[in-house]
Protein backbone atom coordinates (compact mmCIF):
# COMPACT_ATOMS: atom_id res chain seq x y z
CA MET A 1 16.32 44.33 -23.84
CA ILE A 2 13.96 41.43 -24.56
CA GLN A 3 10.45 42.57 -25.46
CA LEU A 4 7.63 40.22 -24.46
CA SER A 5 4.33 40.25 -26.27
CA ARG A 6 1.06 40.61 -24.35
CA ARG A 7 0.22 37.03 -25.40
CA THR A 8 3.49 35.70 -23.97
CA LEU A 9 3.03 37.62 -20.74
CA PHE A 10 -0.55 36.46 -20.42
CA GLY A 11 0.43 32.85 -21.02
CA ALA A 12 3.24 32.98 -18.48
CA SER A 13 0.99 34.61 -15.89
CA ALA A 14 -1.75 32.06 -16.46
CA ALA A 15 0.68 29.18 -16.12
CA ALA A 16 2.09 30.61 -12.91
CA ALA A 17 -1.38 31.14 -11.50
CA ALA A 18 -2.41 27.61 -12.40
CA THR A 19 0.69 26.18 -10.75
CA LEU A 20 0.10 28.23 -7.60
CA ALA A 21 -3.56 27.25 -7.51
CA SER A 22 -2.76 23.58 -7.90
CA ARG A 23 -0.23 23.80 -5.07
CA ARG A 24 -2.79 25.51 -2.85
CA VAL A 25 -5.44 22.91 -3.63
CA PHE A 26 -2.95 20.11 -3.04
CA ALA A 27 -1.87 21.62 0.28
CA GLN A 28 -5.46 21.99 1.44
CA VAL A 29 -6.68 18.51 0.51
CA ALA A 30 -7.54 16.50 3.60
CA ALA A 31 -8.59 12.90 4.02
CA PRO A 32 -12.37 12.54 3.78
CA ALA A 33 -14.15 11.64 6.99
CA ALA A 34 -14.76 7.90 7.13
CA ALA A 35 -18.00 6.49 8.52
CA SER A 36 -17.59 6.21 12.26
CA GLY A 37 -16.80 2.76 13.51
CA PRO A 38 -14.08 0.51 14.84
CA PHE A 39 -11.76 0.91 11.83
CA THR A 40 -9.66 4.01 11.21
CA LEU A 41 -7.44 5.33 8.45
CA PRO A 42 -3.84 5.15 9.72
CA PRO A 43 -1.56 8.11 9.04
CA LEU A 44 1.27 7.63 6.57
CA GLY A 45 3.90 8.51 9.13
CA TYR A 46 5.75 10.55 6.48
CA GLY A 47 4.98 13.21 3.89
CA PHE A 48 3.24 12.51 0.59
CA ASP A 49 6.48 13.48 -1.15
CA ALA A 50 8.71 11.15 0.91
CA ASN A 51 8.84 8.57 -1.90
CA GLU A 52 9.75 11.04 -4.66
CA PRO A 53 10.92 10.69 -7.36
CA HIS A 54 9.98 7.01 -7.47
CA ILE A 55 6.35 7.49 -6.41
CA ASP A 56 4.94 10.97 -6.89
CA ALA A 57 3.27 12.92 -4.09
CA MET A 58 -0.06 13.23 -5.90
CA THR A 59 -0.34 9.47 -6.29
CA MET A 60 0.45 9.01 -2.60
CA MET A 61 -2.16 11.56 -1.59
CA ILE A 62 -4.91 10.09 -3.77
CA HIS A 63 -3.97 6.53 -2.85
CA HIS A 64 -4.01 7.15 0.91
CA ASP A 65 -6.62 9.87 1.36
CA ARG A 66 -9.08 8.61 -1.24
CA HIS A 67 -8.67 4.93 -2.02
CA HIS A 68 -7.68 3.69 1.42
CA ALA A 69 -10.14 6.04 3.13
CA ALA A 70 -12.93 4.59 0.98
CA TYR A 71 -12.08 1.05 2.10
CA VAL A 72 -12.26 2.16 5.74
CA ALA A 73 -15.57 3.98 5.22
CA ASN A 74 -17.12 0.99 3.43
CA LEU A 75 -15.86 -1.40 6.10
CA ASN A 76 -17.30 0.68 8.93
CA ALA A 77 -20.61 0.99 7.11
CA ALA A 78 -20.77 -2.79 6.63
CA VAL A 79 -20.32 -3.57 10.33
CA LYS A 80 -22.51 -0.73 11.61
CA ASP A 81 -25.33 -3.11 12.54
CA GLN A 82 -23.10 -6.14 13.09
CA SER A 83 -21.79 -5.62 16.62
CA GLN A 84 -20.26 -9.08 16.91
CA VAL A 85 -18.27 -8.62 13.71
CA ALA A 86 -17.31 -5.04 14.61
CA ALA A 87 -15.76 -6.28 17.84
CA LEU A 88 -13.38 -8.65 16.04
CA PRO A 89 -9.80 -7.76 15.04
CA LEU A 90 -9.45 -7.26 11.30
CA GLN A 91 -7.08 -10.20 10.91
CA THR A 92 -9.68 -12.48 12.54
CA ILE A 93 -12.43 -11.25 10.22
CA LEU A 94 -10.25 -11.93 7.19
CA SER A 95 -9.06 -15.35 8.34
CA LYS A 96 -12.66 -16.42 9.04
CA LEU A 97 -14.48 -14.88 6.09
CA GLY A 98 -16.51 -18.03 5.57
CA GLU A 99 -17.99 -17.58 9.05
CA MET A 100 -18.98 -13.95 8.52
CA PRO A 101 -22.59 -12.96 7.71
CA GLU A 102 -23.23 -13.62 4.05
CA THR A 103 -24.87 -10.23 3.56
CA ILE A 104 -21.61 -8.37 4.26
CA ARG A 105 -19.04 -11.01 3.34
CA THR A 106 -18.14 -9.46 -0.02
CA VAL A 107 -17.62 -6.02 1.53
CA LEU A 108 -15.49 -7.55 4.28
CA ARG A 109 -13.40 -9.32 1.66
CA ASN A 110 -12.88 -6.32 -0.57
CA SER A 111 -12.78 -3.40 1.86
CA GLY A 112 -11.40 -5.37 4.80
CA GLY A 113 -8.70 -6.80 2.57
CA GLY A 114 -8.02 -3.36 1.14
CA HIS A 115 -7.71 -1.86 4.60
CA ALA A 116 -5.30 -4.56 5.78
CA ASN A 117 -3.21 -4.48 2.60
CA HIS A 118 -2.82 -0.72 2.59
CA THR A 119 -2.10 -0.48 6.30
CA MET A 120 0.83 -2.82 5.72
CA PHE A 121 1.81 -1.00 2.52
CA TRP A 122 2.32 2.43 4.13
CA THR A 123 4.33 0.87 6.94
CA VAL A 124 6.99 -0.66 4.72
CA MET A 125 7.56 2.45 2.56
CA GLY A 126 8.91 5.92 3.23
CA GLY A 127 12.50 4.67 3.33
CA LYS A 128 15.52 4.90 1.09
CA GLY A 129 15.77 1.34 -0.18
CA GLY A 130 19.13 -0.32 0.13
CA ALA A 131 19.26 -3.79 1.62
CA PRO A 132 18.08 -5.64 4.72
CA ILE A 133 20.45 -6.62 7.49
CA GLY A 134 20.64 -9.18 10.27
CA GLU A 135 18.20 -12.08 10.54
CA LEU A 136 16.00 -10.79 7.73
CA ALA A 137 18.92 -10.62 5.32
CA ALA A 138 19.92 -14.16 6.31
CA ALA A 139 16.35 -15.39 5.75
CA ILE A 140 16.21 -13.79 2.29
CA THR A 141 19.50 -15.44 1.37
CA ARG A 142 18.28 -18.79 2.68
CA ASP A 143 14.83 -18.75 1.07
CA PHE A 144 15.45 -16.77 -2.13
CA ASP A 145 19.18 -17.12 -2.69
CA GLY A 146 19.75 -13.42 -2.08
CA LEU A 147 18.03 -10.03 -2.44
CA ASP A 148 18.71 -9.73 -6.17
CA LYS A 149 16.91 -12.99 -6.88
CA LEU A 150 14.04 -12.08 -4.58
CA GLN A 151 13.61 -8.77 -6.37
CA ALA A 152 13.66 -10.44 -9.79
CA ALA A 153 11.09 -13.06 -8.76
CA PHE A 154 8.94 -10.49 -6.94
CA ASN A 155 8.91 -8.11 -9.92
CA ARG A 156 8.17 -10.94 -12.33
CA THR A 157 5.28 -12.13 -10.17
CA GLY A 158 3.89 -8.61 -9.79
CA ALA A 159 4.09 -7.94 -13.52
CA GLY A 160 2.25 -11.20 -14.14
CA VAL A 161 -0.79 -10.32 -12.01
CA PHE A 162 -3.71 -10.07 -14.43
CA GLY A 163 -5.70 -6.91 -13.84
CA SER A 164 -5.52 -5.65 -10.26
CA GLY A 165 -3.91 -7.29 -7.27
CA TRP A 166 -0.92 -7.58 -4.98
CA VAL A 167 2.37 -9.41 -4.69
CA PHE A 168 3.48 -10.39 -1.18
CA VAL A 169 6.30 -11.94 0.78
CA THR A 170 4.79 -14.03 3.58
CA VAL A 171 6.51 -15.18 6.75
CA THR A 172 5.90 -18.08 9.11
CA LYS A 173 6.47 -18.05 12.85
CA ASP A 174 9.76 -19.86 12.34
CA GLY A 175 10.86 -17.13 9.93
CA LYS A 176 10.47 -18.92 6.61
CA LEU A 177 9.66 -16.64 3.68
CA ALA A 178 7.57 -17.28 0.57
CA LEU A 179 6.39 -15.29 -2.45
CA VAL A 180 2.69 -15.17 -3.38
CA ALA A 181 0.32 -13.07 -5.49
CA ARG A 182 -3.35 -12.36 -4.84
CA PRO A 183 -6.06 -10.77 -7.03
CA ASN A 184 -8.01 -7.63 -6.19
CA GLN A 185 -7.78 -6.85 -2.45
CA ASP A 186 -7.34 -10.44 -1.35
CA THR A 187 -4.61 -11.04 1.20
CA PRO A 188 -2.71 -14.06 2.52
CA LEU A 189 -4.39 -13.27 5.84
CA MET A 190 -7.47 -14.93 4.34
CA ASP A 191 -5.49 -18.18 4.22
CA GLY A 192 -4.19 -17.83 7.76
CA ALA A 193 -0.76 -16.66 6.57
CA THR A 194 1.22 -13.65 7.80
CA VAL A 195 2.37 -10.86 5.47
CA LEU A 196 5.90 -9.53 5.82
CA PHE A 197 5.64 -6.95 3.04
CA GLY A 198 3.96 -6.50 -0.32
CA ASN A 199 3.38 -4.19 -3.25
CA ASP A 200 0.13 -2.89 -4.68
CA VAL A 201 -0.14 -3.44 -8.44
CA TRP A 202 -3.55 -1.83 -8.90
CA GLU A 203 -3.21 0.91 -11.52
CA HIS A 204 -4.13 3.60 -8.98
CA ALA A 205 -0.80 2.86 -7.25
CA TYR A 206 1.31 3.93 -10.20
CA TYR A 207 -0.63 5.17 -13.25
CA LEU A 208 -0.08 8.93 -12.86
CA LYS A 209 3.67 8.49 -13.16
CA TYR A 210 4.16 5.18 -14.96
CA GLN A 211 0.97 4.82 -17.05
CA ASN A 212 0.96 1.22 -18.32
CA ARG A 213 4.61 0.57 -17.40
CA ARG A 214 4.00 -1.63 -14.38
CA PRO A 215 7.44 -3.28 -14.57
CA ASP A 216 9.09 0.15 -14.25
CA TYR A 217 7.01 0.89 -11.16
CA LEU A 218 7.86 -2.49 -9.63
CA ALA A 219 11.57 -1.91 -10.19
CA ALA A 220 11.46 1.63 -8.76
CA TRP A 221 9.45 0.61 -5.69
CA TRP A 222 12.44 -1.07 -4.06
CA ASN A 223 14.03 2.38 -3.73
CA VAL A 224 11.39 3.52 -1.21
CA LEU A 225 11.35 0.49 1.09
CA ASP A 226 12.11 0.96 4.76
CA TRP A 227 14.11 -2.17 5.54
CA ARG A 228 14.28 -1.24 9.22
CA ALA A 229 10.47 -1.32 9.41
CA ILE A 230 10.37 -4.60 7.49
CA GLY A 231 12.99 -6.03 9.84
CA SER A 232 10.78 -5.06 12.79
CA ARG A 233 7.85 -6.83 11.12
CA TYR A 234 10.02 -9.92 10.66
CA ALA A 235 10.94 -9.94 14.36
CA ALA A 236 7.28 -9.45 15.32
CA ALA A 237 6.22 -12.33 13.05
CA LYS A 238 8.69 -14.65 14.74
CA ALA A 239 7.45 -13.48 18.14
CA GLY A 240 3.86 -14.14 17.09
CA THR A 241 2.79 -10.50 17.49
CA LEU A 242 2.51 -9.35 13.86
CA THR A 243 -1.13 -8.90 12.87
CA ILE A 244 -1.65 -7.06 9.60
């Protein structure tokens, strides 16, 4: 019979207790209340662990419930005394930043852009990867010479973003696709373009699992895409109904 020392038993018990405690804390964490206003934090639509093992549940929780929630809170606080701005759709605010009050323009750019980018981001994930079908697949073949070449160019562009930012595929009303990168929380919406999908290359999106290995994160991210959702966004863009 194996004899365990008091030290071994104590260590095992402590480890088990720590694991249980961390699970309880994780289970009880809720999104912080954002400042009341016209903008709200959208639900993920799937569990924090839905993108495992490619994106860990803790990263998803912190990213959605903390980072995105902070953008929403800051955005609501900025428009609290700006009723005319608060009444505008987010995509209008972002496409007309130069017309917004100078005192809140930077917050609108950073937090408004962050809110729009992340709202899109959650929508296109939670899937199982694979490949697009139908009109979207045909458009990717036409404009990028196939999914493999799009992925290679997209990953290369994302890896090349200096510091923090995003890499996007944009779409026109006639269905033409293009690849662009933007720094910080800037978005193609600020240039009057429409976003089909995009990936967040801020370190908070991947550092817990990938540390400084951004290329590994970019490569793994394709495994969690929901191509059905992206196909719906493509159809909406062509119909002129896709907003953010």
